PDB file of all heavy atoms in Angstrom:
ATOM      1  N   ALA A   1     -54.107 -88.452 -76.535  1.00  0.00           N
ATOM      2  CA  ALA A   1     -53.514 -88.936 -77.778  1.00  0.00           C
ATOM      3  C   ALA A   1     -54.447 -89.913 -78.483  1.00  0.00           C
ATOM      4  O   ALA A   1     -54.644 -89.849 -79.700  1.00  0.00           O
ATOM      5  CB  ALA A   1     -52.172 -89.598 -77.487  1.00  0.00           C
ATOM      6  N   LEU A   2     -55.051 -90.824 -77.725  1.00  0.00           N
ATOM      7  CA  LEU A   2     -55.949 -91.818 -78.313  1.00  0.00           C
ATOM      8  C   LEU A   2     -57.285 -91.208 -78.722  1.00  0.00           C
ATOM      9  O   LEU A   2     -57.784 -91.445 -79.826  1.00  0.00           O
ATOM     10  CB  LEU A   2     -56.185 -92.955 -77.313  1.00  0.00           C
ATOM     11  CG  LEU A   2     -54.985 -93.871 -77.038  1.00  0.00           C
ATOM     12  CD1 LEU A   2     -55.320 -94.829 -75.904  1.00  0.00           C
ATOM     13  CD2 LEU A   2     -54.597 -94.638 -78.285  1.00  0.00           C
ATOM     14  N   MET A   3     -57.862 -90.411 -77.843  1.00  0.00           N
ATOM     15  CA  MET A   3     -59.202 -89.901 -78.088  1.00  0.00           C
ATOM     16  C   MET A   3     -59.239 -88.824 -79.157  1.00  0.00           C
ATOM     17  O   MET A   3     -60.180 -88.740 -79.933  1.00  0.00           O
ATOM     18  CB  MET A   3     -59.791 -89.392 -76.771  1.00  0.00           C
ATOM     19  CG  MET A   3     -59.970 -90.502 -75.745  1.00  0.00           C
ATOM     20  SD  MET A   3     -60.578 -89.914 -74.141  1.00  0.00           S
ATOM     21  CE  MET A   3     -60.426 -91.395 -73.156  1.00  0.00           C
ATOM     22  N   ILE A   4     -58.200 -88.003 -79.227  1.00  0.00           N
ATOM     23  CA  ILE A   4     -58.154 -86.980 -80.272  1.00  0.00           C
ATOM     24  C   ILE A   4     -57.983 -87.646 -81.630  1.00  0.00           C
ATOM     25  O   ILE A   4     -58.459 -87.143 -82.649  1.00  0.00           O
ATOM     26  CB  ILE A   4     -57.035 -85.958 -79.987  1.00  0.00           C
ATOM     27  CG1 ILE A   4     -57.460 -85.063 -78.815  1.00  0.00           C
ATOM     28  CG2 ILE A   4     -56.735 -85.102 -81.209  1.00  0.00           C
ATOM     29  CD1 ILE A   4     -56.435 -84.037 -78.390  1.00  0.00           C
ATOM     30  N   GLY A   5     -57.299 -88.812 -81.654  1.00  0.00           N
ATOM     31  CA  GLY A   5     -57.204 -89.570 -82.900  1.00  0.00           C
ATOM     32  C   GLY A   5     -58.573 -89.979 -83.405  1.00  0.00           C
ATOM     33  O   GLY A   5     -58.871 -89.892 -84.603  1.00  0.00           O
ATOM     34  N   VAL A   6     -59.435 -90.415 -82.498  1.00  0.00           N
ATOM     35  CA  VAL A   6     -60.809 -90.778 -82.854  1.00  0.00           C
ATOM     36  C   VAL A   6     -61.559 -89.560 -83.375  1.00  0.00           C
ATOM     37  O   VAL A   6     -62.276 -89.616 -84.383  1.00  0.00           O
ATOM     38  CB  VAL A   6     -61.550 -91.363 -81.629  1.00  0.00           C
ATOM     39  CG1 VAL A   6     -63.035 -91.580 -81.945  1.00  0.00           C
ATOM     40  CG2 VAL A   6     -60.914 -92.673 -81.201  1.00  0.00           C
ATOM     41  N   ASN A   7     -61.384 -88.427 -82.713  1.00  0.00           N
ATOM     42  CA  ASN A   7     -62.111 -87.216 -83.086  1.00  0.00           C
ATOM     43  C   ASN A   7     -61.669 -86.644 -84.432  1.00  0.00           C
ATOM     44  O   ASN A   7     -62.458 -86.018 -85.139  1.00  0.00           O
ATOM     45  CB  ASN A   7     -61.942 -86.157 -81.990  1.00  0.00           C
ATOM     46  CG  ASN A   7     -62.724 -86.501 -80.736  1.00  0.00           C
ATOM     47  OD1 ASN A   7     -63.660 -87.286 -80.786  1.00  0.00           O
ATOM     48  ND2 ASN A   7     -62.338 -85.932 -79.620  1.00  0.00           N
ATOM     49  N   THR A   8     -60.401 -86.852 -84.791  1.00  0.00           N
ATOM     50  CA  THR A   8     -59.928 -86.383 -86.094  1.00  0.00           C
ATOM     51  C   THR A   8     -60.677 -87.088 -87.216  1.00  0.00           C
ATOM     52  O   THR A   8     -61.069 -86.464 -88.212  1.00  0.00           O
ATOM     53  CB  THR A   8     -58.409 -86.626 -86.226  1.00  0.00           C
ATOM     54  OG1 THR A   8     -57.736 -85.935 -85.170  1.00  0.00           O
ATOM     55  CG2 THR A   8     -57.892 -86.115 -87.562  1.00  0.00           C
ATOM     56  N   ALA A   9     -60.878 -88.387 -87.056  1.00  0.00           N
ATOM     57  CA  ALA A   9     -61.647 -89.145 -88.048  1.00  0.00           C
ATOM     58  C   ALA A   9     -63.098 -88.673 -88.073  1.00  0.00           C
ATOM     59  O   ALA A   9     -63.732 -88.624 -89.140  1.00  0.00           O
ATOM     60  CB  ALA A   9     -61.571 -90.630 -87.728  1.00  0.00           C
ATOM     61  N   LEU A  10     -63.619 -88.309 -86.918  1.00  0.00           N
ATOM     62  CA  LEU A  10     -65.009 -87.857 -86.823  1.00  0.00           C
ATOM     63  C   LEU A  10     -65.255 -86.634 -87.698  1.00  0.00           C
ATOM     64  O   LEU A  10     -66.247 -86.569 -88.428  1.00  0.00           O
ATOM     65  CB  LEU A  10     -65.349 -87.531 -85.363  1.00  0.00           C
ATOM     66  CG  LEU A  10     -66.678 -86.800 -85.127  1.00  0.00           C
ATOM     67  CD1 LEU A  10     -67.856 -87.692 -85.505  1.00  0.00           C
ATOM     68  CD2 LEU A  10     -66.790 -86.354 -83.673  1.00  0.00           C
ATOM     69  N   GLU A  11     -64.364 -85.654 -87.644  1.00  0.00           N
ATOM     70  CA  GLU A  11     -64.559 -84.425 -88.415  1.00  0.00           C
ATOM     71  C   GLU A  11     -64.652 -84.719 -89.912  1.00  0.00           C
ATOM     72  O   GLU A  11     -65.484 -84.154 -90.619  1.00  0.00           O
ATOM     73  CB  GLU A  11     -63.436 -83.437 -88.150  1.00  0.00           C
ATOM     74  CG  GLU A  11     -63.638 -82.097 -88.852  1.00  0.00           C
ATOM     75  CD  GLU A  11     -62.563 -81.085 -88.524  1.00  0.00           C
ATOM     76  OE1 GLU A  11     -61.470 -81.497 -88.087  1.00  0.00           O
ATOM     77  OE2 GLU A  11     -62.817 -79.877 -88.685  1.00  0.00           O
ATOM     78  N   THR A  12     -63.801 -85.639 -90.393  1.00  0.00           N
ATOM     79  CA  THR A  12     -63.815 -85.993 -91.814  1.00  0.00           C
ATOM     80  C   THR A  12     -65.136 -86.645 -92.199  1.00  0.00           C
ATOM     81  O   THR A  12     -65.747 -86.292 -93.221  1.00  0.00           O
ATOM     82  CB  THR A  12     -62.654 -86.957 -92.126  1.00  0.00           C
ATOM     83  OG1 THR A  12     -61.413 -86.326 -91.802  1.00  0.00           O
ATOM     84  CG2 THR A  12     -62.648 -87.339 -93.597  1.00  0.00           C
ATOM     85  N   LEU A  13     -65.598 -87.582 -91.382  1.00  0.00           N
ATOM     86  CA  LEU A  13     -66.838 -88.298 -91.684  1.00  0.00           C
ATOM     87  C   LEU A  13     -68.052 -87.375 -91.636  1.00  0.00           C
ATOM     88  O   LEU A  13     -68.941 -87.445 -92.491  1.00  0.00           O
ATOM     89  CB  LEU A  13     -67.013 -89.460 -90.704  1.00  0.00           C
ATOM     90  CG  LEU A  13     -65.994 -90.597 -90.842  1.00  0.00           C
ATOM     91  CD1 LEU A  13     -66.119 -91.569 -89.672  1.00  0.00           C
ATOM     92  CD2 LEU A  13     -66.191 -91.329 -92.162  1.00  0.00           C
ATOM     93  N   VAL A  14     -68.096 -86.510 -90.631  1.00  0.00           N
ATOM     94  CA  VAL A  14     -69.209 -85.569 -90.510  1.00  0.00           C
ATOM     95  C   VAL A  14     -69.229 -84.607 -91.691  1.00  0.00           C
ATOM     96  O   VAL A  14     -70.280 -84.307 -92.252  1.00  0.00           O
ATOM     97  CB  VAL A  14     -69.139 -84.785 -89.181  1.00  0.00           C
ATOM     98  CG1 VAL A  14     -70.152 -83.645 -89.161  1.00  0.00           C
ATOM     99  CG2 VAL A  14     -69.402 -85.717 -88.004  1.00  0.00           C
ATOM    100  N   SER A  15     -68.053 -84.131 -92.083  1.00  0.00           N
ATOM    101  CA  SER A  15     -67.962 -83.207 -93.209  1.00  0.00           C
ATOM    102  C   SER A  15     -68.478 -83.849 -94.493  1.00  0.00           C
ATOM    103  O   SER A  15     -69.200 -83.222 -95.275  1.00  0.00           O
ATOM    104  CB  SER A  15     -66.510 -82.760 -93.385  1.00  0.00           C
ATOM    105  OG  SER A  15     -66.392 -81.860 -94.458  1.00  0.00           O
ATOM    106  N   GLN A  16     -68.134 -85.118 -94.695  1.00  0.00           N
ATOM    107  CA  GLN A  16     -68.597 -85.829 -95.890  1.00  0.00           C
ATOM    108  C   GLN A  16     -70.111 -86.026 -95.856  1.00  0.00           C
ATOM    109  O   GLN A  16     -70.798 -85.830 -96.869  1.00  0.00           O
ATOM    110  CB  GLN A  16     -67.891 -87.179 -96.001  1.00  0.00           C
ATOM    111  CG  GLN A  16     -66.404 -87.064 -96.314  1.00  0.00           C
ATOM    112  CD  GLN A  16     -65.684 -88.395 -96.246  1.00  0.00           C
ATOM    113  OE1 GLN A  16     -66.235 -89.391 -95.774  1.00  0.00           O
ATOM    114  NE2 GLN A  16     -64.435 -88.416 -96.706  1.00  0.00           N
ATOM    115  N   ALA A  17     -70.641 -86.416 -94.701  1.00  0.00           N
ATOM    116  CA  ALA A  17     -72.082 -86.616 -94.567  1.00  0.00           C
ATOM    117  C   ALA A  17     -72.841 -85.304 -94.740  1.00  0.00           C
ATOM    118  O   ALA A  17     -73.901 -85.254 -95.370  1.00  0.00           O
ATOM    119  CB  ALA A  17     -72.408 -87.235 -93.207  1.00  0.00           C
ATOM    120  N   PHE A  18     -72.270 -84.228 -94.209  1.00  0.00           N
ATOM    121  CA  PHE A  18     -72.909 -82.919 -94.342  1.00  0.00           C
ATOM    122  C   PHE A  18     -72.916 -82.470 -95.805  1.00  0.00           C
ATOM    123  O   PHE A  18     -73.871 -81.857 -96.271  1.00  0.00           O
ATOM    124  CB  PHE A  18     -72.170 -81.896 -93.482  1.00  0.00           C
ATOM    125  CG  PHE A  18     -72.829 -80.544 -93.427  1.00  0.00           C
ATOM    126  CD1 PHE A  18     -74.004 -80.361 -92.706  1.00  0.00           C
ATOM    127  CD2 PHE A  18     -72.281 -79.459 -94.090  1.00  0.00           C
ATOM    128  CE1 PHE A  18     -74.625 -79.118 -92.656  1.00  0.00           C
ATOM    129  CE2 PHE A  18     -72.887 -78.210 -94.044  1.00  0.00           C
ATOM    130  CZ  PHE A  18     -74.068 -78.044 -93.326  1.00  0.00           C
ATOM    131  N   GLY A  19     -71.840 -82.802 -96.506  1.00  0.00           N
ATOM    132  CA  GLY A  19     -71.775 -82.478 -97.926  1.00  0.00           C
ATOM    133  C   GLY A  19     -72.843 -83.217 -98.719  1.00  0.00           C
ATOM    134  O   GLY A  19     -73.324 -82.704 -99.739  1.00  0.00           O
ATOM    135  N   ARG A  20     -73.221 -84.410 -98.252  1.00  0.00           N
ATOM    136  CA  ARG A  20     -74.303 -85.189 -98.896  1.00  0.00           C
ATOM    137  C   ARG A  20     -75.666 -84.741 -98.398  1.00  0.00           C
ATOM    138  O   ARG A  20     -76.681 -85.307 -98.791  1.00  0.00           O
ATOM    139  CB  ARG A  20     -74.125 -86.681 -98.605  1.00  0.00           C
ATOM    140  CG  ARG A  20     -72.837 -87.296 -99.112  1.00  0.00           C
ATOM    141  CD  ARG A  20     -72.885 -88.816 -99.027  1.00  0.00           C
ATOM    142  NE  ARG A  20     -73.193 -89.298 -97.693  1.00  0.00           N
ATOM    143  CZ  ARG A  20     -72.296 -89.627 -96.781  1.00  0.00           C
ATOM    144  NH1 ARG A  20     -71.000 -89.492 -97.057  1.00  0.00           N
ATOM    145  NH2 ARG A  20     -72.648 -90.081 -95.588  1.00  0.00           N
ATOM    146  N   LYS A  21     -75.676 -83.762 -97.486  1.00  0.00           N
ATOM    147  CA  LYS A  21     -76.897 -83.271 -96.840  1.00  0.00           C
ATOM    148  C   LYS A  21     -77.595 -84.368 -96.045  1.00  0.00           C
ATOM    149  O   LYS A  21     -78.823 -84.410 -95.929  1.00  0.00           O
ATOM    150  CB  LYS A  21     -77.866 -82.671 -97.882  1.00  0.00           C
ATOM    151  CG  LYS A  21     -77.272 -81.507 -98.659  1.00  0.00           C
ATOM    152  CD  LYS A  21     -78.295 -80.842 -99.544  1.00  0.00           C
ATOM    153  CE  LYS A  21     -77.666 -79.747-100.400  1.00  0.00           C
ATOM    154  NZ  LYS A  21     -77.002 -78.709 -99.598  1.00  0.00           N
ATOM    155  N   ASN A  22     -76.781 -85.256 -95.479  1.00  0.00           N
ATOM    156  CA  ASN A  22     -77.307 -86.354 -94.665  1.00  0.00           C
ATOM    157  C   ASN A  22     -77.010 -86.047 -93.199  1.00  0.00           C
ATOM    158  O   ASN A  22     -76.028 -86.519 -92.623  1.00  0.00           O
ATOM    159  CB  ASN A  22     -76.662 -87.672 -95.083  1.00  0.00           C
ATOM    160  CG  ASN A  22     -77.357 -88.878 -94.461  1.00  0.00           C
ATOM    161  OD1 ASN A  22     -77.988 -88.761 -93.411  1.00  0.00           O
ATOM    162  ND2 ASN A  22     -77.251 -90.021 -95.101  1.00  0.00           N
ATOM    163  N   LEU A  23     -77.862 -85.232 -92.598  1.00  0.00           N
ATOM    164  CA  LEU A  23     -77.644 -84.821 -91.206  1.00  0.00           C
ATOM    165  C   LEU A  23     -77.788 -85.982 -90.235  1.00  0.00           C
ATOM    166  O   LEU A  23     -77.160 -86.000 -89.168  1.00  0.00           O
ATOM    167  CB  LEU A  23     -78.621 -83.698 -90.842  1.00  0.00           C
ATOM    168  CG  LEU A  23     -78.417 -82.372 -91.581  1.00  0.00           C
ATOM    169  CD1 LEU A  23     -79.473 -81.350 -91.161  1.00  0.00           C
ATOM    170  CD2 LEU A  23     -77.025 -81.815 -91.322  1.00  0.00           C
ATOM    171  N   ARG A  24     -78.612 -86.937 -90.613  1.00  0.00           N
ATOM    172  CA  ARG A  24     -78.809 -88.098 -89.742  1.00  0.00           C
ATOM    173  C   ARG A  24     -77.497 -88.854 -89.551  1.00  0.00           C
ATOM    174  O   ARG A  24     -77.171 -89.276 -88.443  1.00  0.00           O
ATOM    175  CB  ARG A  24     -79.860 -89.022 -90.357  1.00  0.00           C
ATOM    176  CG  ARG A  24     -80.342 -90.130 -89.437  1.00  0.00           C
ATOM    177  CD  ARG A  24     -81.313 -89.623 -88.417  1.00  0.00           C
ATOM    178  NE  ARG A  24     -81.729 -90.679 -87.495  1.00  0.00           N
ATOM    179  CZ  ARG A  24     -82.470 -90.479 -86.426  1.00  0.00           C
ATOM    180  NH1 ARG A  24     -82.886 -89.268 -86.137  1.00  0.00           N
ATOM    181  NH2 ARG A  24     -82.806 -91.472 -85.640  1.00  0.00           N
ATOM    182  N   ASP A  25     -76.740 -88.998 -90.631  1.00  0.00           N
ATOM    183  CA  ASP A  25     -75.442 -89.674 -90.533  1.00  0.00           C
ATOM    184  C   ASP A  25     -74.440 -88.855 -89.722  1.00  0.00           C
ATOM    185  O   ASP A  25     -73.576 -89.416 -89.051  1.00  0.00           O
ATOM    186  CB  ASP A  25     -74.868 -89.936 -91.931  1.00  0.00           C
ATOM    187  CG  ASP A  25     -75.357 -91.255 -92.517  1.00  0.00           C
ATOM    188  OD1 ASP A  25     -76.148 -91.942 -91.842  1.00  0.00           O
ATOM    189  OD2 ASP A  25     -74.960 -91.583 -93.652  1.00  0.00           O
ATOM    190  N   CYS A  26     -74.547 -87.529 -89.775  1.00  0.00           N
ATOM    191  CA  CYS A  26     -73.669 -86.678 -88.955  1.00  0.00           C
ATOM    192  C   CYS A  26     -73.843 -87.029 -87.481  1.00  0.00           C
ATOM    193  O   CYS A  26     -72.859 -87.182 -86.741  1.00  0.00           O
ATOM    194  CB  CYS A  26     -73.998 -85.201 -89.178  1.00  0.00           C
ATOM    195  SG  CYS A  26     -73.581 -84.566 -90.806  1.00  0.00           S
ATOM    196  N   GLY A  27     -75.087 -87.158 -87.071  1.00  0.00           N
ATOM    197  CA  GLY A  27     -75.370 -87.532 -85.688  1.00  0.00           C
ATOM    198  C   GLY A  27     -74.903 -88.937 -85.377  1.00  0.00           C
ATOM    199  O   GLY A  27     -74.391 -89.217 -84.283  1.00  0.00           O
ATOM    200  N   LEU A  28     -75.064 -89.842 -86.347  1.00  0.00           N
ATOM    201  CA  LEU A  28     -74.634 -91.232 -86.159  1.00  0.00           C
ATOM    202  C   LEU A  28     -73.132 -91.302 -85.909  1.00  0.00           C
ATOM    203  O   LEU A  28     -72.671 -92.012 -85.002  1.00  0.00           O
ATOM    204  CB  LEU A  28     -75.003 -92.059 -87.393  1.00  0.00           C
ATOM    205  CG  LEU A  28     -74.500 -93.510 -87.413  1.00  0.00           C
ATOM    206  CD1 LEU A  28     -75.134 -94.315 -86.276  1.00  0.00           C
ATOM    207  CD2 LEU A  28     -74.806 -94.167 -88.759  1.00  0.00           C
ATOM    208  N   TYR A  29     -72.359 -90.561 -86.692  1.00  0.00           N
ATOM    209  CA  TYR A  29     -70.903 -90.566 -86.519  1.00  0.00           C
ATOM    210  C   TYR A  29     -70.510 -89.976 -85.164  1.00  0.00           C
ATOM    211  O   TYR A  29     -69.553 -90.443 -84.534  1.00  0.00           O
ATOM    212  CB  TYR A  29     -70.235 -89.788 -87.650  1.00  0.00           C
ATOM    213  CG  TYR A  29     -70.407 -90.424 -89.010  1.00  0.00           C
ATOM    214  CD1 TYR A  29     -70.691 -89.649 -90.138  1.00  0.00           C
ATOM    215  CD2 TYR A  29     -70.301 -91.804 -89.176  1.00  0.00           C
ATOM    216  CE1 TYR A  29     -70.852 -90.233 -91.389  1.00  0.00           C
ATOM    217  CE2 TYR A  29     -70.471 -92.395 -90.421  1.00  0.00           C
ATOM    218  CZ  TYR A  29     -70.749 -91.608 -91.519  1.00  0.00           C
ATOM    219  OH  TYR A  29     -70.908 -92.185 -92.748  1.00  0.00           O
ATOM    220  N   LEU A  30     -71.235 -88.965 -84.708  1.00  0.00           N
ATOM    221  CA  LEU A  30     -70.967 -88.397 -83.384  1.00  0.00           C
ATOM    222  C   LEU A  30     -71.213 -89.432 -82.296  1.00  0.00           C
ATOM    223  O   LEU A  30     -70.409 -89.586 -81.373  1.00  0.00           O
ATOM    224  CB  LEU A  30     -71.852 -87.169 -83.148  1.00  0.00           C
ATOM    225  CG  LEU A  30     -71.786 -86.570 -81.741  1.00  0.00           C
ATOM    226  CD1 LEU A  30     -70.389 -86.019 -81.445  1.00  0.00           C
ATOM    227  CD2 LEU A  30     -72.832 -85.472 -81.578  1.00  0.00           C
ATOM    228  N   HIS A  31     -72.323 -90.153 -82.409  1.00  0.00           N
ATOM    229  CA  HIS A  31     -72.651 -91.172 -81.413  1.00  0.00           C
ATOM    230  C   HIS A  31     -71.578 -92.266 -81.373  1.00  0.00           C
ATOM    231  O   HIS A  31     -71.176 -92.721 -80.298  1.00  0.00           O
ATOM    232  CB  HIS A  31     -74.010 -91.806 -81.728  1.00  0.00           C
ATOM    233  CG  HIS A  31     -75.142 -90.838 -81.629  1.00  0.00           C
ATOM    234  ND1 HIS A  31     -76.330 -91.010 -82.295  1.00  0.00           N
ATOM    235  CD2 HIS A  31     -75.272 -89.669 -80.952  1.00  0.00           C
ATOM    236  CE1 HIS A  31     -77.140 -90.000 -82.038  1.00  0.00           C
ATOM    237  NE2 HIS A  31     -76.516 -89.179 -81.222  1.00  0.00           N
ATOM    238  N   ARG A  32     -71.138 -92.685 -82.554  1.00  0.00           N
ATOM    239  CA  ARG A  32     -70.139 -93.751 -82.596  1.00  0.00           C
ATOM    240  C   ARG A  32     -68.803 -93.288 -82.024  1.00  0.00           C
ATOM    241  O   ARG A  32     -68.123 -94.046 -81.326  1.00  0.00           O
ATOM    242  CB  ARG A  32     -69.971 -94.235 -84.041  1.00  0.00           C
ATOM    243  CG  ARG A  32     -71.165 -95.067 -84.514  1.00  0.00           C
ATOM    244  CD  ARG A  32     -70.995 -95.592 -85.917  1.00  0.00           C
ATOM    245  NE  ARG A  32     -72.072 -96.525 -86.246  1.00  0.00           N
ATOM    246  CZ  ARG A  32     -72.211 -97.103 -87.425  1.00  0.00           C
ATOM    247  NH1 ARG A  32     -71.348 -96.844 -88.406  1.00  0.00           N
ATOM    248  NH2 ARG A  32     -73.213 -97.946 -87.647  1.00  0.00           N
TER     249      ARG A  32
END
């Protein structure tokens, strides 16, 4: 319940960074 909550936010952030073509930030959000 707790960890999937974190991962739901991750998908949104990665999608936004990917839309900006900022792959480095995609990796950063995964690490965090």
